[in-house]
PDB file of N, CA and C in Angstrom:
ATOM      1  N   UNK A   1       0.828  -1.175   0.000  1.00  0.00           N
ATOM      2  CA  UNK A   1       0.000   0.000   0.000  1.00  0.00           C
ATOM      3  C   UNK A   1       0.878   1.246   0.000  1.00  0.00           C
ATOM      4  N   UNK A   2       2.027   1.192   0.626  1.00  0.00           N
ATOM      5  CA  UNK A   2       2.883   2.380   0.687  1.00  0.00           C
ATOM      6  C   UNK A   2       3.314   2.809  -0.706  1.00  0.00           C
ATOM      7  N   UNK A   3       3.579   1.862  -1.586  1.00  0.00           N
ATOM      8  CA  UNK A   3       4.009   2.213  -2.934  1.00  0.00           C
ATOM      9  C   UNK A   3       2.901   2.916  -3.704  1.00  0.00           C
ATOM     10  N   UNK A   4       1.673   2.508  -3.506  1.00  0.00           N
ATOM     11  CA  UNK A   4       0.575   3.119  -4.260  1.00  0.00           C
ATOM     12  C   UNK A   4       0.219   4.494  -3.725  1.00  0.00           C
ATOM     13  N   UNK A   5       0.521   4.779  -2.469  1.00  0.00           N
ATOM     14  CA  UNK A   5       0.139   6.057  -1.870  1.00  0.00           C
ATOM     15  C   UNK A   5       1.306   7.029  -1.746  1.00  0.00           C
ATOM     16  N   UNK A   6       2.498   6.580  -2.071  1.00  0.00           N
ATOM     17  CA  UNK A   6       3.666   7.448  -1.935  1.00  0.00           C
ATOM     18  C   UNK A   6       3.593   8.584  -2.945  1.00  0.00           C
ATOM     19  N   UNK A   7       3.915   9.769  -2.493  1.00  0.00           N
ATOM     20  CA  UNK A   7       3.878  10.929  -3.372  1.00  0.00           C
ATOM     21  C   UNK A   7       5.279  11.381  -3.767  1.00  0.00           C
ATOM     22  N   UNK A   8       6.279  10.911  -3.062  1.00  0.00           N
ATOM     23  CA  UNK A   8       7.646  11.346  -3.356  1.00  0.00           C
ATOM     24  C   UNK A   8       8.604  10.178  -3.336  1.00  0.00           C
ATOM     25  N   UNK A   9       9.096   9.862  -2.156  1.00  0.00           N
ATOM     26  CA  UNK A   9      10.102   8.822  -2.001  1.00  0.00           C
ATOM     27  C   UNK A   9       9.541   7.627  -1.257  1.00  0.00           C
ATOM     28  N   UNK A  10      10.065   6.459  -1.601  1.00  0.00           N
ATOM     29  CA  UNK A  10       9.708   5.224  -0.909  1.00  0.00           C
ATOM     30  C   UNK A  10      11.005   4.512  -0.575  1.00  0.00           C
ATOM     31  N   UNK A  11      11.122   4.045   0.647  1.00  0.00           N
ATOM     32  CA  UNK A  11      12.306   3.298   1.057  1.00  0.00           C
ATOM     33  C   UNK A  11      11.907   1.836   1.212  1.00  0.00           C
ATOM     34  N   UNK A  12      12.574   0.947   0.479  1.00  0.00           N
ATOM     35  CA  UNK A  12      12.322  -0.487   0.571  1.00  0.00           C
ATOM     36  C   UNK A  12      13.519  -1.141   1.234  1.00  0.00           C
ATOM     37  N   UNK A  13      13.255  -2.074   2.108  1.00  0.00           N
ATOM     38  CA  UNK A  13      14.348  -2.817   2.729  1.00  0.00           C
ATOM     39  C   UNK A  13      13.885  -4.240   2.967  1.00  0.00           C
ATOM     40  N   UNK A  14      14.839  -5.122   3.120  1.00  0.00           N
ATOM     41  CA  UNK A  14      14.505  -6.513   3.370  1.00  0.00           C
ATOM     42  C   UNK A  14      15.740  -7.373   3.294  1.00  0.00           C
ATOM     43  N   UNK A  15      15.560  -8.652   3.559  1.00  0.00           N
ATOM     44  CA  UNK A  15      16.645  -9.612   3.535  1.00  0.00           C
ATOM     45  C   UNK A  15      16.227 -10.760   2.632  1.00  0.00           C
ATOM     46  N   UNK A  16      17.137 -11.227   1.799  1.00  0.00           N
ATOM     47  CA  UNK A  16      16.833 -12.352   0.926  1.00  0.00           C
ATOM     48  C   UNK A  16      16.577 -11.906  -0.493  1.00  0.00           C
ATOM     49  N   UNK A  17      16.226 -12.864  -1.313  1.00  0.00           N
ATOM     50  CA  UNK A  17      15.957 -12.589  -2.723  1.00  0.00           C
ATOM     51  C   UNK A  17      14.468 -12.781  -2.984  1.00  0.00           C
ATOM     52  N   UNK A  18      13.804 -11.730  -3.404  1.00  0.00           N
ATOM     53  CA  UNK A  18      12.369 -11.782  -3.642  1.00  0.00           C
ATOM     54  C   UNK A  18      12.065 -11.240  -5.042  1.00  0.00           C
ATOM     55  N   UNK A  19      11.027 -11.738  -5.697  1.00  0.00           N
ATOM     56  CA  UNK A  19      10.652 -11.231  -7.023  1.00  0.00           C
ATOM     57  C   UNK A  19      10.412  -9.719  -7.027  1.00  0.00           C
ATOM     58  N   UNK A  20       9.923  -9.162  -5.918  1.00  0.00           N
ATOM     59  CA  UNK A  20       9.674  -7.721  -5.861  1.00  0.00           C
ATOM     60  C   UNK A  20      10.971  -6.939  -6.046  1.00  0.00           C
ATOM     61  N   UNK A  21      12.065  -7.401  -5.436  1.00  0.00           N
ATOM     62  CA  UNK A  21      13.344  -6.714  -5.569  1.00  0.00           C
ATOM     63  C   UNK A  21      13.798  -6.716  -7.030  1.00  0.00           C
ATOM     64  N   UNK A  22      13.654  -7.868  -7.693  1.00  0.00           N
ATOM     65  CA  UNK A  22      14.035  -7.961  -9.105  1.00  0.00           C
ATOM     66  C   UNK A  22      13.177  -7.036  -9.957  1.00  0.00           C
ATOM     67  N   UNK A  23      11.903  -6.996  -9.674  1.00  0.00           N
ATOM     68  CA  UNK A  23      11.004  -6.127 -10.426  1.00  0.00           C
ATOM     69  C   UNK A  23      11.362  -4.657 -10.204  1.00  0.00           C
ATOM     70  N   UNK A  24      11.632  -4.292  -8.967  1.00  0.00           N
ATOM     71  CA  UNK A  24      11.997  -2.906  -8.677  1.00  0.00           C
ATOM     72  C   UNK A  24      13.324  -2.546  -9.369  1.00  0.00           C
ATOM     73  N   UNK A  25      14.269  -3.472  -9.406  1.00  0.00           N
ATOM     74  CA  UNK A  25      15.540  -3.217 -10.086  1.00  0.00           C
ATOM     75  C   UNK A  25      15.300  -2.951 -11.576  1.00  0.00           C
ATOM     76  N   UNK A  26      14.422  -3.747 -12.209  1.00  0.00           N
ATOM     77  CA  UNK A  26      14.112  -3.541 -13.632  1.00  0.00           C
ATOM     78  C   UNK A  26      13.466  -2.173 -13.844  1.00  0.00           C
ATOM     79  N   UNK A  27      12.585  -1.768 -12.934  1.00  0.00           N
ATOM     80  CA  UNK A  27      11.927  -0.466 -13.038  1.00  0.00           C
ATOM     81  C   UNK A  27      12.974   0.639 -12.955  1.00  0.00           C
ATOM     82  N   UNK A  28      13.895   0.546 -12.004  1.00  0.00           N
ATOM     83  CA  UNK A  28      14.924   1.579 -11.861  1.00  0.00           C
ATOM     84  C   UNK A  28      15.833   1.632 -13.081  1.00  0.00           C
ATOM     85  N   UNK A  29      16.120   0.486 -13.690  1.00  0.00           N
ATOM     86  CA  UNK A  29      16.985   0.438 -14.862  1.00  0.00           C
ATOM     87  C   UNK A  29      16.296   0.969 -16.113  1.00  0.00           C
ATOM     88  N   UNK A  30      14.968   0.947 -16.142  1.00  0.00           N
ATOM     89  CA  UNK A  30      14.236   1.339 -17.346  1.00  0.00           C
ATOM     90  C   UNK A  30      14.132   2.853 -17.521  1.00  0.00           C
ATOM     91  N   UNK A  31      14.527   3.606 -16.527  1.00  0.00           N
ATOM     92  CA  UNK A  31      14.462   5.060 -16.657  1.00  0.00           C
ATOM     93  C   UNK A  31      13.093   5.588 -16.310  1.00  0.00           C
ATOM     94  N   UNK A  32      12.484   6.330 -17.246  1.00  0.00           N
ATOM     95  CA  UNK A  32      11.209   6.991 -16.966  1.00  0.00           C
ATOM     96  C   UNK A  32       9.977   6.146 -17.269  1.00  0.00           C
ATOM     97  N   UNK A  33      10.138   5.002 -17.910  1.00  0.00           N
ATOM     98  CA  UNK A  33       8.977   4.188 -18.263  1.00  0.00           C
ATOM     99  C   UNK A  33       9.182   2.745 -17.804  1.00  0.00           C
ATOM    100  N   UNK A  34       8.094   2.094 -17.541  1.00  0.00           N
ATOM    101  CA  UNK A  34       8.158   0.671 -17.208  1.00  0.00           C
ATOM    102  C   UNK A  34       6.791   0.049 -17.456  1.00  0.00           C
ATOM    103  N   UNK A  35       6.780  -1.266 -17.549  1.00  0.00           N
ATOM    104  CA  UNK A  35       5.545  -2.018 -17.751  1.00  0.00           C
ATOM    105  C   UNK A  35       5.251  -2.804 -16.487  1.00  0.00           C
ATOM    106  N   UNK A  36       4.051  -2.677 -16.007  1.00  0.00           N
ATOM    107  CA  UNK A  36       3.635  -3.402 -14.812  1.00  0.00           C
ATOM    108  C   UNK A  36       2.682  -4.508 -15.234  1.00  0.00           C
ATOM    109  N   UNK A  37       3.006  -5.742 -14.895  1.00  0.00           N
ATOM    110  CA  UNK A  37       2.152  -6.885 -15.212  1.00  0.00           C
ATOM    111  C   UNK A  37       1.557  -7.408 -13.924  1.00  0.00           C
ATOM    112  N   UNK A  38       0.249  -7.361 -13.830  1.00  0.00           N
ATOM    113  CA  UNK A  38      -0.444  -7.849 -12.642  1.00  0.00           C
ATOM    114  C   UNK A  38      -1.039  -9.211 -12.943  1.00  0.00           C
ATOM    115  N   UNK A  39      -0.717 -10.168 -12.116  1.00  0.00           N
ATOM    116  CA  UNK A  39      -1.268 -11.518 -12.271  1.00  0.00           C
ATOM    117  C   UNK A  39      -2.327 -11.729 -11.195  1.00  0.00           C
ATOM    118  N   UNK A  40      -3.542 -11.975 -11.637  1.00  0.00           N
ATOM    119  CA  UNK A  40      -4.629 -12.223 -10.695  1.00  0.00           C
ATOM    120  C   UNK A  40      -4.428 -13.589 -10.047  1.00  0.00           C
ATOM    121  N   UNK A  41      -4.600 -13.674  -8.743  1.00  0.00           N
ATOM    122  CA  UNK A  41      -4.530 -14.992  -8.117  1.00  0.00           C
ATOM    123  C   UNK A  41      -5.727 -15.822  -8.578  1.00  0.00           C
ATOM    124  N   UNK A  42      -5.559 -17.120  -8.700  1.00  0.00           N
ATOM    125  CA  UNK A  42      -6.691 -17.946  -9.138  1.00  0.00           C
ATOM    126  C   UNK A  42      -7.810 -17.895  -8.104  1.00  0.00           C
ATOM    127  N   UNK A  43      -9.026 -17.816  -8.587  1.00  0.00           N
ATOM    128  CA  UNK A  43     -10.172 -17.790  -7.679  1.00  0.00           C
ATOM    129  C   UNK A  43     -10.554 -19.211  -7.323  1.00  0.00           C
ATOM    130  N   UNK A  44     -10.847 -19.406  -6.041  1.00  0.00           N
ATOM    131  CA  UNK A  44     -11.263 -20.721  -5.572  1.00  0.00           C
ATOM    132  C   UNK A  44     -12.764 -20.712  -5.357  1.00  0.00           C
ATOM    133  N   UNK A  45     -13.433 -21.541  -6.068  1.00  0.00           N
ATOM    134  CA  UNK A  45     -14.871 -21.697  -5.862  1.00  0.00           C
ATOM    135  C   UNK A  45     -15.073 -23.039  -5.186  1.00  0.00           C
ATOM    136  N   UNK A  46     -15.609 -23.008  -4.007  1.00  0.00           N
ATOM    137  CA  UNK A  46     -15.831 -24.247  -3.275  1.00  0.00           C
ATOM    138  C   UNK A  46     -17.264 -24.669  -3.495  1.00  0.00           C
ATOM    139  N   UNK A  47     -17.416 -25.830  -4.018  1.00  0.00           N
ATOM    140  CA  UNK A  47     -18.749 -26.354  -4.266  1.00  0.00           C
ATOM    141  C   UNK A  47     -18.854 -27.697  -3.565  1.00  0.00           C
ATOM    142  N   UNK A  48     -19.464 -27.718  -2.419  1.00  0.00           N
ATOM    143  CA  UNK A  48     -19.595 -28.935  -1.637  1.00  0.00           C
ATOM    144  C   UNK A  48     -21.043 -29.383  -1.717  1.00  0.00           C
ATOM    145  N   UNK A  49     -21.253 -30.601  -2.146  1.00  0.00           N
ATOM    146  CA  UNK A  49     -22.620 -31.088  -2.269  1.00  0.00           C
ATOM    147  C   UNK A  49     -22.885 -32.303  -1.394  1.00  0.00           C
ATOM    148  N   UNK A  50     -21.877 -33.032  -1.022  1.00  0.00           N
ATOM    149  CA  UNK A  50     -22.068 -34.241  -0.248  1.00  0.00           C
ATOM    150  C   UNK A  50     -21.846 -33.943   1.236  1.00  0.00           C
ATOM    151  N   UNK A  51     -22.845 -34.223   2.071  1.00  0.00           N
ATOM    152  CA  UNK A  51     -22.758 -33.942   3.497  1.00  0.00           C
ATOM    153  C   UNK A  51     -21.608 -34.738   4.113  1.00  0.00           C
ATOM    154  N   UNK A  52     -21.392 -35.950   3.637  1.00  0.00           N
ATOM    155  CA  UNK A  52     -20.271 -36.758   4.132  1.00  0.00           C
ATOM    156  C   UNK A  52     -18.940 -36.084   3.865  1.00  0.00           C
ATOM    157  N   UNK A  53     -18.821 -35.432   2.702  1.00  0.00           N
ATOM    158  CA  UNK A  53     -17.594 -34.712   2.371  1.00  0.00           C
ATOM    159  C   UNK A  53     -17.400 -33.526   3.307  1.00  0.00           C
ATOM    160  N   UNK A  54     -18.499 -32.846   3.641  1.00  0.00           N
ATOM    161  CA  UNK A  54     -18.422 -31.715   4.566  1.00  0.00           C
ATOM    162  C   UNK A  54     -17.933 -32.205   5.926  1.00  0.00           C
ATOM    163  N   UNK A  55     -18.511 -33.289   6.423  1.00  0.00           N
ATOM    164  CA  UNK A  55     -18.094 -33.826   7.725  1.00  0.00           C
ATOM    165  C   UNK A  55     -16.620 -34.233   7.703  1.00  0.00           C
ATOM    166  N   UNK A  56     -16.216 -34.893   6.634  1.00  0.00           N
ATOM    167  CA  UNK A  56     -14.824 -35.331   6.515  1.00  0.00           C
ATOM    168  C   UNK A  56     -13.868 -34.144   6.502  1.00  0.00           C
ATOM    169  N   UNK A  57     -14.204 -33.122   5.716  1.00  0.00           N
ATOM    170  CA  UNK A  57     -13.353 -31.930   5.643  1.00  0.00           C
ATOM    171  C   UNK A  57     -13.334 -31.191   6.971  1.00  0.00           C
ATOM    172  N   UNK A  58     -14.481 -31.149   7.678  1.00  0.00           N
ATOM    173  CA  UNK A  58     -14.550 -30.478   8.974  1.00  0.00           C
ATOM    174  C   UNK A  58     -13.655 -31.200   9.984  1.00  0.00           C
ATOM    175  N   UNK A  59     -13.722 -32.525   9.997  1.00  0.00           N
ATOM    176  CA  UNK A  59     -12.924 -33.313  10.941  1.00  0.00           C
ATOM    177  C   UNK A  59     -11.424 -33.175  10.676  1.00  0.00           C
ATOM    178  N   UNK A  60     -11.051 -32.924   9.420  1.00  0.00           N
ATOM    179  CA  UNK A  60      -9.629 -32.766   9.091  1.00  0.00           C
ATOM    180  C   UNK A  60      -9.177 -31.308   9.201  1.00  0.00           C
ATOM    181  N   UNK A  61     -10.024 -30.420   9.736  1.00  0.00           N
ATOM    182  CA  UNK A  61      -9.628 -29.043   9.998  1.00  0.00           C
ATOM    183  C   UNK A  61     -10.211 -28.007   9.053  1.00  0.00           C
ATOM    184  N   UNK A  62     -10.917 -28.423   8.006  1.00  0.00           N
ATOM    185  CA  UNK A  62     -11.528 -27.475   7.077  1.00  0.00           C
ATOM    186  C   UNK A  62     -12.639 -26.687   7.751  1.00  0.00           C
ATOM    187  N   UNK A  63     -12.705 -25.385   7.477  1.00  0.00           N
ATOM    188  CA  UNK A  63     -13.744 -24.556   8.080  1.00  0.00           C
ATOM    189  C   UNK A  63     -14.449 -23.666   7.066  1.00  0.00           C
ATOM    190  N   UNK A  64     -14.047 -23.701   5.806  1.00  0.00           N
ATOM    191  CA  UNK A  64     -14.663 -22.834   4.799  1.00  0.00           C
ATOM    192  C   UNK A  64     -15.646 -23.651   3.968  1.00  0.00           C
ATOM    193  N   UNK A  65     -16.939 -23.462   4.231  1.00  0.00           N
ATOM    194  CA  UNK A  65     -17.981 -24.185   3.509  1.00  0.00           C
ATOM    195  C   UNK A  65     -18.946 -23.218   2.841  1.00  0.00           C
ATOM    196  N   UNK A  66     -18.391 -22.125   2.311  1.00  0.00           N
ATOM    197  CA  UNK A  66     -19.213 -21.174   1.577  1.00  0.00           C
ATOM    198  C   UNK A  66     -19.869 -21.891   0.406  1.00  0.00           C
ATOM    199  N   UNK A  67     -21.101 -21.544   0.135  1.00  0.00           N
ATOM    200  CA  UNK A  67     -21.863 -22.071  -1.005  1.00  0.00           C
ATOM    201  C   UNK A  67     -22.099 -23.573  -0.934  1.00  0.00           C
ATOM    202  N   UNK A  68     -21.912 -24.175   0.226  1.00  0.00           N
ATOM    203  CA  UNK A  68     -22.121 -25.621   0.348  1.00  0.00           C
ATOM    204  C   UNK A  68     -23.600 -25.949   0.191  1.00  0.00           C
ATOM    205  N   UNK A  69     -23.895 -27.032  -0.491  1.00  0.00           N
ATOM    206  CA  UNK A  69     -25.267 -27.491  -0.666  1.00  0.00           C
ATOM    207  C   UNK A  69     -25.572 -28.493   0.442  1.00  0.00           C
ATOM    208  N   UNK A  70     -26.185 -28.028   1.509  1.00  0.00           N
ATOM    209  CA  UNK A  70     -26.500 -28.877   2.656  1.00  0.00           C
ATOM    210  C   UNK A  70     -28.003 -29.085   2.806  1.00  0.00           C
ATOM    211  N   UNK A  71     -28.745 -28.824   1.760  1.00  0.00           N
ATOM    212  CA  UNK A  71     -30.207 -28.946   1.812  1.00  0.00           C
ATOM    213  C   UNK A  71     -30.600 -30.340   2.283  1.00  0.00           C
ATOM    214  N   UNK A  72     -31.456 -30.360   3.312  1.00  0.00           N
ATOM    215  CA  UNK A  72     -31.976 -31.627   3.827  1.00  0.00           C
ATOM    216  C   UNK A  72     -30.997 -32.397   4.694  1.00  0.00           C
ATOM    217  N   UNK A  73     -29.869 -31.823   5.040  1.00  0.00           N
ATOM    218  CA  UNK A  73     -28.850 -32.525   5.819  1.00  0.00           C
ATOM    219  C   UNK A  73     -29.296 -32.712   7.261  1.00  0.00           C
ATOM    220  N   UNK A  74     -28.769 -33.740   7.885  1.00  0.00           N
ATOM    221  CA  UNK A  74     -29.033 -33.996   9.293  1.00  0.00           C
ATOM    222  C   UNK A  74     -27.833 -33.486  10.089  1.00  0.00           C
ATOM    223  N   UNK A  75     -27.980 -32.306  10.660  1.00  0.00           N
ATOM    224  CA  UNK A  75     -26.896 -31.698  11.425  1.00  0.00           C
ATOM    225  C   UNK A  75     -27.249 -31.608  12.905  1.00  0.00           C
ATOM    226  N   UNK A  76     -28.022 -32.591  13.380  1.00  0.00           N
ATOM    227  CA  UNK A  76     -28.389 -32.617  14.799  1.00  0.00           C
ATOM    228  C   UNK A  76     -27.132 -32.619  15.658  1.00  0.00           C
ATOM    229  N   UNK A  77     -27.139 -31.757  16.671  1.00  0.00           N
ATOM    230  CA  UNK A  77     -26.076 -31.646  17.661  1.00  0.00           C
ATOM    231  C   UNK A  77     -24.718 -31.292  17.060  1.00  0.00           C
ATOM    232  N   UNK A  78     -24.704 -30.737  15.861  1.00  0.00           N
ATOM    233  CA  UNK A  78     -23.446 -30.301  15.236  1.00  0.00           C
ATOM    234  C   UNK A  78     -22.998 -28.982  15.857  1.00  0.00           C
ATOM    235  N   UNK A  79     -21.680 -28.778  15.904  1.00  0.00           N
ATOM    236  CA  UNK A  79     -21.132 -27.516  16.395  1.00  0.00           C
ATOM    237  C   UNK A  79     -20.929 -26.607  15.189  1.00  0.00           C
ATOM    238  N   UNK A  80     -21.801 -25.612  15.031  1.00  0.00           N
ATOM    239  CA  UNK A  80     -21.751 -24.701  13.896  1.00  0.00           C
ATOM    240  C   UNK A  80     -21.149 -23.347  14.267  1.00  0.00           C
ATOM    241  N   UNK A  81     -20.395 -23.291  15.369  1.00  0.00           N
ATOM    242  CA  UNK A  81     -19.795 -22.036  15.795  1.00  0.00           C
ATOM    243  C   UNK A  81     -18.523 -21.716  15.028  1.00  0.00           C
ATOM    244  N   UNK A  82     -17.875 -22.702  14.429  1.00  0.00           N
ATOM    245  CA  UNK A  82     -16.604 -22.459  13.761  1.00  0.00           C
ATOM    246  C   UNK A  82     -16.639 -22.345  12.250  1.00  0.00           C
ATOM    247  N   UNK A  83     -17.418 -23.157  11.546  1.00  0.00           N
ATOM    248  CA  UNK A  83     -17.345 -23.152  10.080  1.00  0.00           C
ATOM    249  C   UNK A  83     -17.962 -21.921   9.433  1.00  0.00           C
ATOM    250  N   UNK A  84     -17.429 -21.560   8.270  1.00  0.00           N
ATOM    251  CA  UNK A  84     -17.971 -20.463   7.463  1.00  0.00           C
ATOM    252  C   UNK A  84     -19.038 -21.058   6.551  1.00  0.00           C
ATOM    253  N   UNK A  85     -20.289 -20.786   6.826  1.00  0.00           N
ATOM    254  CA  UNK A  85     -21.410 -21.301   6.034  1.00  0.00           C
ATOM    255  C   UNK A  85     -22.086 -20.198   5.232  1.00  0.00           C
ATOM    256  N   UNK A  86     -21.329 -19.153   4.921  1.00  0.00           N
ATOM    257  CA  UNK A  86     -21.867 -18.027   4.168  1.00  0.00           C
ATOM    258  C   UNK A  86     -22.440 -18.513   2.836  1.00  0.00           C
ATOM    259  N   UNK A  87     -23.679 -18.176   2.585  1.00  0.00           N
ATOM    260  CA  UNK A  87     -24.395 -18.523   1.353  1.00  0.00           C
ATOM    261  C   UNK A  87     -24.572 -20.030   1.168  1.00  0.00           C
ATOM    262  N   UNK A  88     -24.416 -20.804   2.236  1.00  0.00           N
ATOM    263  CA  UNK A  88     -24.664 -22.241   2.143  1.00  0.00           C
ATOM    264  C   UNK A  88     -26.169 -22.485   2.103  1.00  0.00           C
ATOM    265  N   UNK A  89     -26.583 -23.508   1.374  1.00  0.00           N
ATOM    266  CA  UNK A  89     -28.001 -23.859   1.290  1.00  0.00           C
ATOM    267  C   UNK A  89     -28.344 -24.723   2.496  1.00  0.00           C
ATOM    268  N   UNK A  90     -29.034 -24.131   3.468  1.00  0.00           N
ATOM    269  CA  UNK A  90     -29.412 -24.835   4.695  1.00  0.00           C
ATOM    270  C   UNK A  90     -30.913 -25.096   4.752  1.00  0.00           C
ATOM    271  N   UNK A  91     -31.558 -25.128   3.586  1.00  0.00           N
ATOM    272  CA  UNK A  91     -33.005 -25.359   3.569  1.00  0.00           C
ATOM    273  C   UNK A  91     -33.314 -26.792   3.993  1.00  0.00           C
ATOM    274  N   UNK A  92     -34.335 -26.916   4.843  1.00  0.00           N
ATOM    275  CA  UNK A  92     -34.799 -28.206   5.356  1.00  0.00           C
ATOM    276  C   UNK A  92     -33.722 -28.978   6.109  1.00  0.00           C
ATOM    277  N   UNK A  93     -32.774 -28.279   6.735  1.00  0.00           N
ATOM    278  CA  UNK A  93     -31.715 -28.925   7.509  1.00  0.00           C
ATOM    279  C   UNK A  93     -32.225 -29.193   8.917  1.00  0.00           C
ATOM    280  N   UNK A  94     -31.936 -30.365   9.457  1.00  0.00           N
ATOM    281  CA  UNK A  94     -32.300 -30.695  10.829  1.00  0.00           C
ATOM    282  C   UNK A  94     -31.192 -30.166  11.740  1.00  0.00           C
ATOM    283  N   UNK A  95     -31.494 -29.106  12.494  1.00  0.00           N
ATOM    284  CA  UNK A  95     -30.506 -28.470  13.368  1.00  0.00           C
ATOM    285  C   UNK A  95     -30.816 -28.694  14.851  1.00  0.00           C
ATOM    286  N   UNK A  96     -31.646 -29.686  15.147  1.00  0.00           N
ATOM    287  CA  UNK A  96     -32.041 -29.927  16.532  1.00  0.00           C
ATOM    288  C   UNK A  96     -30.813 -30.202  17.401  1.00  0.00           C
ATOM    289  N   UNK A  97     -30.666 -29.406  18.443  1.00  0.00           N
ATOM    290  CA  UNK A  97     -29.545 -29.579  19.367  1.00  0.00           C
ATOM    291  C   UNK A  97     -28.222 -29.044  18.849  1.00  0.00           C
ATOM    292  N   UNK A  98     -28.214 -28.424  17.677  1.00  0.00           N
ATOM    293  CA  UNK A  98     -26.968 -27.900  17.107  1.00  0.00           C
ATOM    294  C   UNK A  98     -26.555 -26.620  17.826  1.00  0.00           C
ATOM    295  N   UNK A  99     -25.255 -26.447  18.004  1.00  0.00           N
ATOM    296  CA  UNK A  99     -24.731 -25.211  18.602  1.00  0.00           C
ATOM    297  C   UNK A  99     -24.583 -24.208  17.470  1.00  0.00           C
ATOM    298  N   UNK A 100     -25.309 -23.101  17.580  1.00  0.00           N
ATOM    299  CA  UNK A 100     -25.375 -22.089  16.531  1.00  0.00           C
ATOM    300  C   UNK A 100     -24.202 -21.103  16.641  1.00  0.00           C
ATOM    301  N   UNK A 101     -23.928 -20.323  15.561  1.00  0.00           N
ATOM    302  CA  UNK A 101     -22.800 -19.378  15.577  1.00  0.00           C
ATOM    303  C   UNK A 101     -22.812 -18.399  16.749  1.00  0.00           C
ATOM    304  N   UNK A 102     -23.999 -18.038  17.255  1.00  0.00           N
ATOM    305  CA  UNK A 102     -24.060 -17.105  18.389  1.00  0.00           C
ATOM    306  C   UNK A 102     -23.873 -17.818  19.725  1.00  0.00           C
ATOM    307  N   UNK A 103     -23.623 -19.144  19.682  1.00  0.00           N
ATOM    308  CA  UNK A 103     -23.396 -19.919  20.906  1.00  0.00           C
ATOM    309  C   UNK A 103     -24.637 -20.558  21.466  1.00  0.00           C
ATOM    310  N   UNK A 104     -25.822 -20.208  20.947  1.00  0.00           N
ATOM    311  CA  UNK A 104     -27.070 -20.780  21.446  1.00  0.00           C
ATOM    312  C   UNK A 104     -27.236 -22.225  20.929  1.00  0.00           C
ATOM    313  N   UNK A 105     -28.114 -22.950  21.607  1.00  0.00           N
ATOM    314  CA  UNK A 105     -28.442 -24.312  21.188  1.00  0.00           C
ATOM    315  C   UNK A 105     -29.811 -24.276  20.515  1.00  0.00           C
ATOM    316  N   UNK A 106     -29.908 -24.881  19.350  1.00  0.00           N
ATOM    317  CA  UNK A 106     -31.160 -24.904  18.594  1.00  0.00           C
ATOM    318  C   UNK A 106     -32.042 -26.012  19.151  1.00  0.00           C
ATOM    319  N   UNK A 107     -33.084 -25.638  19.933  1.00  0.00           N
ATOM    320  CA  UNK A 107     -33.940 -26.630  20.573  1.00  0.00           C
ATOM    321  C   UNK A 107     -35.061 -27.141  19.686  1.00  0.00           C
ATOM    322  N   UNK A 108     -35.648 -26.257  18.885  1.00  0.00           N
ATOM    323  CA  UNK A 108     -36.818 -26.645  18.098  1.00  0.00           C
ATOM    324  C   UNK A 108     -36.615 -26.305  16.626  1.00  0.00           C
ATOM    325  N   UNK A 109     -35.525 -26.737  16.049  1.00  0.00           N
ATOM    326  CA  UNK A 109     -35.236 -26.414  14.656  1.00  0.00           C
ATOM    327  C   UNK A 109     -35.700 -27.535  13.744  1.00  0.00           C
TER     328      UNK A 109
END
């Protein structure tokens, strides 16, 4: 962020060999012009449809279940305080006794 907001001078320091240092060296050698190539990081779309896969991934430490298709799943007494279920399909899910993100227990879900 400092490079994008700098109006005059920027001081860079570090230890080791990094691609940024090589890129900055090329910019300094080019004089008044340079080409900047931005590579977008690959986007990860997680599409989970099998409840067994969700349980397996949860048990192995996975916590990101955005967009998971959990419709009709039996999640009785599940601990839902940790996983990211943003935009997950939870229609017709049995949540009886499940610990909800706010810490409450779902008694009549």
